[in-house]
Structures are given as C-alpha cells and as structure tokens.
Amino acid sequence: MNNSMDNEALEKLNGVQKKELLGRLLSSLLDNLSEVEKKELLQKIVSSSGENLQVIDMVEH
C-alpha cells in the first residue's frame, strides 16, 4: 500500500476506530519495553506537550 492509500483508509475511520487503532499500535510498540522505559517515554511525551508531570503518577496507579 502506498501513502495516499494509507491516508485514505485512515480518513475513512471514525474517531472511535482511530483511538482503537492507536491503542493497538501503542500496545504493540510498548510490548517489549520495561516498566522503567515506559515511564521514561511517558515523561518525555507529557513534558514535551507542556502538561503537568503529575499525570504520570496518576497513570501508574
């Protein structure tokens, strides 16, 4: 599949389907990371978006 076909397929998905796909992709990508690596990655994501780092502690629980 080329990029234009991929984009067309993604555009046809509704919001719920996109979130489900994103969840599956993230799970697949994070599957081989340790808990420490996952936490560090989450910290980088949250801090780069300007969000409060306390969110990370809430996600852990």
PDB file of N, CA and C in Angstrom:
ATOM      1  N   MET A   1       0.834  -1.188   0.000  1.00  0.00           N
ATOM      2  CA  MET A   1       0.000   0.000   0.000  1.00  0.00           C
ATOM      3  C   MET A   1       0.870   1.240   0.000  1.00  0.00           C
ATOM      4  N   ASN A   2       0.507   2.225  -0.788  1.00  0.00           N
ATOM      5  CA  ASN A   2       1.282   3.466  -0.779  1.00  0.00           C
ATOM      6  C   ASN A   2       0.688   4.454   0.213  1.00  0.00           C
ATOM      7  N   ASN A   3       1.389   5.555   0.434  1.00  0.00           N
ATOM      8  CA  ASN A   3       0.962   6.528   1.450  1.00  0.00           C
ATOM      9  C   ASN A   3      -0.402   7.118   1.176  1.00  0.00           C
ATOM     10  N   SER A   4      -0.723   7.407  -0.081  1.00  0.00           N
ATOM     11  CA  SER A   4      -2.027   8.001  -0.372  1.00  0.00           C
ATOM     12  C   SER A   4      -3.145   7.027  -0.047  1.00  0.00           C
ATOM     13  N   MET A   5      -2.915   5.744  -0.289  1.00  0.00           N
ATOM     14  CA  MET A   5      -3.930   4.746   0.063  1.00  0.00           C
ATOM     15  C   MET A   5      -4.047   4.625   1.576  1.00  0.00           C
ATOM     16  N   ASP A   6      -2.924   4.683   2.290  1.00  0.00           N
ATOM     17  CA  ASP A   6      -2.948   4.627   3.748  1.00  0.00           C
ATOM     18  C   ASP A   6      -3.718   5.811   4.316  1.00  0.00           C
ATOM     19  N   ASN A   7      -3.457   7.000   3.794  1.00  0.00           N
ATOM     20  CA  ASN A   7      -4.144   8.200   4.270  1.00  0.00           C
ATOM     21  C   ASN A   7      -5.634   8.113   3.996  1.00  0.00           C
ATOM     22  N   GLU A   8      -5.998   7.615   2.838  1.00  0.00           N
ATOM     23  CA  GLU A   8      -7.418   7.474   2.504  1.00  0.00           C
ATOM     24  C   GLU A   8      -8.098   6.499   3.460  1.00  0.00           C
ATOM     25  N   ALA A   9      -7.440   5.402   3.760  1.00  0.00           N
ATOM     26  CA  ALA A   9      -8.007   4.417   4.678  1.00  0.00           C
ATOM     27  C   ALA A   9      -8.172   5.009   6.078  1.00  0.00           C
ATOM     28  N   LEU A  10      -7.181   5.763   6.542  1.00  0.00           N
ATOM     29  CA  LEU A  10      -7.268   6.387   7.864  1.00  0.00           C
ATOM     30  C   LEU A  10      -8.361   7.442   7.920  1.00  0.00           C
ATOM     31  N   GLU A  11      -8.523   8.191   6.854  1.00  0.00           N
ATOM     32  CA  GLU A  11      -9.547   9.231   6.826  1.00  0.00           C
ATOM     33  C   GLU A  11     -10.951   8.646   6.897  1.00  0.00           C
ATOM     34  N   LYS A  12     -11.123   7.413   6.467  1.00  0.00           N
ATOM     35  CA  LYS A  12     -12.441   6.767   6.492  1.00  0.00           C
ATOM     36  C   LYS A  12     -12.821   6.266   7.880  1.00  0.00           C
ATOM     37  N   LEU A  13     -11.839   6.149   8.771  1.00  0.00           N
ATOM     38  CA  LEU A  13     -12.119   5.674  10.122  1.00  0.00           C
ATOM     39  C   LEU A  13     -12.782   6.767  10.946  1.00  0.00           C
ATOM     40  N   ASN A  14     -13.718   6.373  11.809  1.00  0.00           N
ATOM     41  CA  ASN A  14     -14.305   7.356  12.716  1.00  0.00           C
ATOM     42  C   ASN A  14     -13.409   7.518  13.933  1.00  0.00           C
ATOM     43  N   GLY A  15     -13.745   8.431  14.812  1.00  0.00           N
ATOM     44  CA  GLY A  15     -12.913   8.734  15.977  1.00  0.00           C
ATOM     45  C   GLY A  15     -12.664   7.538  16.874  1.00  0.00           C
ATOM     46  N   VAL A  16     -13.684   6.740  17.105  1.00  0.00           N
ATOM     47  CA  VAL A  16     -13.548   5.563  17.966  1.00  0.00           C
ATOM     48  C   VAL A  16     -12.602   4.559  17.330  1.00  0.00           C
ATOM     49  N   GLN A  17     -12.737   4.353  16.031  1.00  0.00           N
ATOM     50  CA  GLN A  17     -11.863   3.416  15.331  1.00  0.00           C
ATOM     51  C   GLN A  17     -10.417   3.892  15.338  1.00  0.00           C
ATOM     52  N   LYS A  18     -10.215   5.198  15.197  1.00  0.00           N
ATOM     53  CA  LYS A  18      -8.858   5.746  15.221  1.00  0.00           C
ATOM     54  C   LYS A  18      -8.227   5.558  16.594  1.00  0.00           C
ATOM     55  N   LYS A  19      -9.001   5.788  17.658  1.00  0.00           N
ATOM     56  CA  LYS A  19      -8.476   5.597  19.013  1.00  0.00           C
ATOM     57  C   LYS A  19      -8.145   4.138  19.267  1.00  0.00           C
ATOM     58  N   GLU A  20      -8.989   3.242  18.776  1.00  0.00           N
ATOM     59  CA  GLU A  20      -8.738   1.814  18.944  1.00  0.00           C
ATOM     60  C   GLU A  20      -7.462   1.401  18.198  1.00  0.00           C
ATOM     61  N   LEU A  21      -7.299   1.892  16.987  1.00  0.00           N
ATOM     62  CA  LEU A  21      -6.097   1.605  16.207  1.00  0.00           C
ATOM     63  C   LEU A  21      -4.857   2.155  16.902  1.00  0.00           C
ATOM     64  N   LEU A  22      -4.948   3.375  17.394  1.00  0.00           N
ATOM     65  CA  LEU A  22      -3.827   3.979  18.103  1.00  0.00           C
ATOM     66  C   LEU A  22      -3.477   3.169  19.349  1.00  0.00           C
ATOM     67  N   GLY A  23      -4.480   2.728  20.073  1.00  0.00           N
ATOM     68  CA  GLY A  23      -4.250   1.906  21.257  1.00  0.00           C
ATOM     69  C   GLY A  23      -3.538   0.607  20.918  1.00  0.00           C
ATOM     70  N   ARG A  24      -3.959  -0.025  19.839  1.00  0.00           N
ATOM     71  CA  ARG A  24      -3.315  -1.275  19.420  1.00  0.00           C
ATOM     72  C   ARG A  24      -1.870  -1.027  18.999  1.00  0.00           C
ATOM     73  N   LEU A  25      -1.648   0.045  18.254  1.00  0.00           N
ATOM     74  CA  LEU A  25      -0.291   0.366  17.817  1.00  0.00           C
ATOM     75  C   LEU A  25       0.616   0.653  19.009  1.00  0.00           C
ATOM     76  N   LEU A  26       0.117   1.445  19.956  1.00  0.00           N
ATOM     77  CA  LEU A  26       0.911   1.751  21.147  1.00  0.00           C
ATOM     78  C   LEU A  26       1.219   0.495  21.955  1.00  0.00           C
ATOM     79  N   SER A  27       0.233  -0.346  22.125  1.00  0.00           N
ATOM     80  CA  SER A  27       0.461  -1.591  22.866  1.00  0.00           C
ATOM     81  C   SER A  27       1.528  -2.430  22.195  1.00  0.00           C
ATOM     82  N   SER A  28       1.452  -2.498  20.894  1.00  0.00           N
ATOM     83  CA  SER A  28       2.433  -3.267  20.138  1.00  0.00           C
ATOM     84  C   SER A  28       3.834  -2.674  20.288  1.00  0.00           C
ATOM     85  N   LEU A  29       3.944  -1.361  20.207  1.00  0.00           N
ATOM     86  CA  LEU A  29       5.235  -0.704  20.313  1.00  0.00           C
ATOM     87  C   LEU A  29       5.819  -0.802  21.720  1.00  0.00           C
ATOM     88  N   LEU A  30       4.961  -0.733  22.729  1.00  0.00           N
ATOM     89  CA  LEU A  30       5.421  -0.738  24.113  1.00  0.00           C
ATOM     90  C   LEU A  30       5.625  -2.144  24.669  1.00  0.00           C
ATOM     91  N   ASP A  31       5.196  -3.140  23.941  1.00  0.00           N
ATOM     92  CA  ASP A  31       5.208  -4.512  24.429  1.00  0.00           C
ATOM     93  C   ASP A  31       6.581  -4.969  24.902  1.00  0.00           C
ATOM     94  N   ASN A  32       7.627  -4.561  24.226  1.00  0.00           N
ATOM     95  CA  ASN A  32       8.970  -5.035  24.565  1.00  0.00           C
ATOM     96  C   ASN A  32       9.751  -4.091  25.464  1.00  0.00           C
ATOM     97  N   LEU A  33       9.112  -3.043  25.953  1.00  0.00           N
ATOM     98  CA  LEU A  33       9.798  -2.097  26.839  1.00  0.00           C
ATOM     99  C   LEU A  33       9.582  -2.490  28.298  1.00  0.00           C
ATOM    100  N   SER A  34      10.582  -2.217  29.120  1.00  0.00           N
ATOM    101  CA  SER A  34      10.434  -2.446  30.555  1.00  0.00           C
ATOM    102  C   SER A  34       9.537  -1.351  31.138  1.00  0.00           C
ATOM    103  N   GLU A  35       9.098  -1.553  32.366  1.00  0.00           N
ATOM    104  CA  GLU A  35       8.251  -0.556  33.020  1.00  0.00           C
ATOM    105  C   GLU A  35       8.993   0.772  33.167  1.00  0.00           C
ATOM    106  N   VAL A  36      10.283   0.713  33.457  1.00  0.00           N
ATOM    107  CA  VAL A  36      11.092   1.930  33.597  1.00  0.00           C
ATOM    108  C   VAL A  36      11.138   2.676  32.260  1.00  0.00           C
ATOM    109  N   GLU A  37      11.354   1.934  31.175  1.00  0.00           N
ATOM    110  CA  GLU A  37      11.406   2.555  29.847  1.00  0.00           C
ATOM    111  C   GLU A  37      10.064   3.173  29.473  1.00  0.00           C
ATOM    112  N   LYS A  38       8.986   2.495  29.821  1.00  0.00           N
ATOM    113  CA  LYS A  38       7.649   3.026  29.538  1.00  0.00           C
ATOM    114  C   LYS A  38       7.415   4.333  30.290  1.00  0.00           C
ATOM    115  N   LYS A  39       7.812   4.358  31.569  1.00  0.00           N
ATOM    116  CA  LYS A  39       7.630   5.564  32.374  1.00  0.00           C
ATOM    117  C   LYS A  39       8.463   6.710  31.816  1.00  0.00           C
ATOM    118  N   GLU A  40       9.712   6.432  31.438  1.00  0.00           N
ATOM    119  CA  GLU A  40      10.569   7.472  30.867  1.00  0.00           C
ATOM    120  C   GLU A  40       9.981   8.014  29.573  1.00  0.00           C
ATOM    121  N   LEU A  41       9.462   7.136  28.739  1.00  0.00           N
ATOM    122  CA  LEU A  41       8.850   7.558  27.483  1.00  0.00           C
ATOM    123  C   LEU A  41       7.622   8.424  27.751  1.00  0.00           C
ATOM    124  N   LEU A  42       6.804   8.008  28.691  1.00  0.00           N
ATOM    125  CA  LEU A  42       5.613   8.781  29.036  1.00  0.00           C
ATOM    126  C   LEU A  42       5.997  10.158  29.573  1.00  0.00           C
ATOM    127  N   GLN A  43       7.055  10.216  30.377  1.00  0.00           N
ATOM    128  CA  GLN A  43       7.527  11.501  30.895  1.00  0.00           C
ATOM    129  C   GLN A  43       7.954  12.419  29.751  1.00  0.00           C
ATOM    130  N   LYS A  44       8.657  11.879  28.779  1.00  0.00           N
ATOM    131  CA  LYS A  44       9.089  12.673  27.631  1.00  0.00           C
ATOM    132  C   LYS A  44       7.898  13.194  26.845  1.00  0.00           C
ATOM    133  N   ILE A  45       6.907  12.340  26.649  1.00  0.00           N
ATOM    134  CA  ILE A  45       5.722  12.743  25.885  1.00  0.00           C
ATOM    135  C   ILE A  45       4.976  13.851  26.609  1.00  0.00           C
ATOM    136  N   VAL A  46       4.734  13.662  27.895  1.00  0.00           N
ATOM    137  CA  VAL A  46       3.974  14.642  28.664  1.00  0.00           C
ATOM    138  C   VAL A  46       4.744  15.949  28.794  1.00  0.00           C
ATOM    139  N   SER A  47       6.039  15.869  29.066  1.00  0.00           N
ATOM    140  CA  SER A  47       6.815  17.091  29.252  1.00  0.00           C
ATOM    141  C   SER A  47       6.972  17.853  27.943  1.00  0.00           C
ATOM    142  N   SER A  48       7.020  17.157  26.833  1.00  0.00           N
ATOM    143  CA  SER A  48       7.166  17.842  25.547  1.00  0.00           C
ATOM    144  C   SER A  48       5.879  18.543  25.138  1.00  0.00           C
ATOM    145  N   SER A  49       4.755  18.109  25.697  1.00  0.00           N
ATOM    146  CA  SER A  49       3.488  18.760  25.354  1.00  0.00           C
ATOM    147  C   SER A  49       3.117  19.840  26.368  1.00  0.00           C
ATOM    148  N   GLY A  50       3.977  20.048  27.370  1.00  0.00           N
ATOM    149  CA  GLY A  50       3.744  21.098  28.348  1.00  0.00           C
ATOM    150  C   GLY A  50       2.771  20.725  29.451  1.00  0.00           C
ATOM    151  N   GLU A  51       2.396  19.467  29.514  1.00  0.00           N
ATOM    152  CA  GLU A  51       1.459  19.034  30.541  1.00  0.00           C
ATOM    153  C   GLU A  51       2.175  18.857  31.880  1.00  0.00           C
ATOM    154  N   ASN A  52       1.398  18.759  32.930  1.00  0.00           N
ATOM    155  CA  ASN A  52       1.929  18.566  34.275  1.00  0.00           C
ATOM    156  C   ASN A  52       2.417  17.135  34.446  1.00  0.00           C
ATOM    157  N   LEU A  53       3.602  16.952  35.003  1.00  0.00           N
ATOM    158  CA  LEU A  53       4.174  15.619  35.181  1.00  0.00           C
ATOM    159  C   LEU A  53       3.434  14.781  36.224  1.00  0.00           C
ATOM    160  N   GLN A  54       2.547  15.378  36.997  1.00  0.00           N
ATOM    161  CA  GLN A  54       1.766  14.614  37.966  1.00  0.00           C
ATOM    162  C   GLN A  54       0.851  13.616  37.268  1.00  0.00           C
ATOM    163  N   VAL A  55       0.551  13.850  36.017  1.00  0.00           N
ATOM    164  CA  VAL A  55      -0.271  12.928  35.247  1.00  0.00           C
ATOM    165  C   VAL A  55       0.374  11.554  35.204  1.00  0.00           C
ATOM    166  N   ILE A  56       1.696  11.517  35.115  1.00  0.00           N
ATOM    167  CA  ILE A  56       2.421  10.243  35.043  1.00  0.00           C
ATOM    168  C   ILE A  56       2.161   9.413  36.287  1.00  0.00           C
ATOM    169  N   ASP A  57       2.187  10.038  37.449  1.00  0.00           N
ATOM    170  CA  ASP A  57       1.940   9.307  38.675  1.00  0.00           C
ATOM    171  C   ASP A  57       0.519   8.750  38.705  1.00  0.00           C
ATOM    172  N   MET A  58      -0.446   9.488  38.183  1.00  0.00           N
ATOM    173  CA  MET A  58      -1.824   9.012  38.145  1.00  0.00           C
ATOM    174  C   MET A  58      -1.942   7.826  37.202  1.00  0.00           C
ATOM    175  N   VAL A  59      -1.240   7.837  36.089  1.00  0.00           N
ATOM    176  CA  VAL A  59      -1.297   6.744  35.118  1.00  0.00           C
ATOM    177  C   VAL A  59      -0.717   5.476  35.715  1.00  0.00           C
ATOM    178  N   GLU A  60       0.318   5.612  36.542  1.00  0.00           N
ATOM    179  CA  GLU A  60       0.933   4.447  37.161  1.00  0.00           C
ATOM    180  C   GLU A  60      -0.026   3.700  38.051  1.00  0.00           C
ATOM    181  N   HIS A  61      -0.936   4.402  38.690  1.00  0.00           N
ATOM    182  CA  HIS A  61      -1.854   3.772  39.640  1.00  0.00           C
ATOM    183  C   HIS A  61      -3.054   3.333  38.886  1.00  0.00           C
TER     184      HIS A  61
END
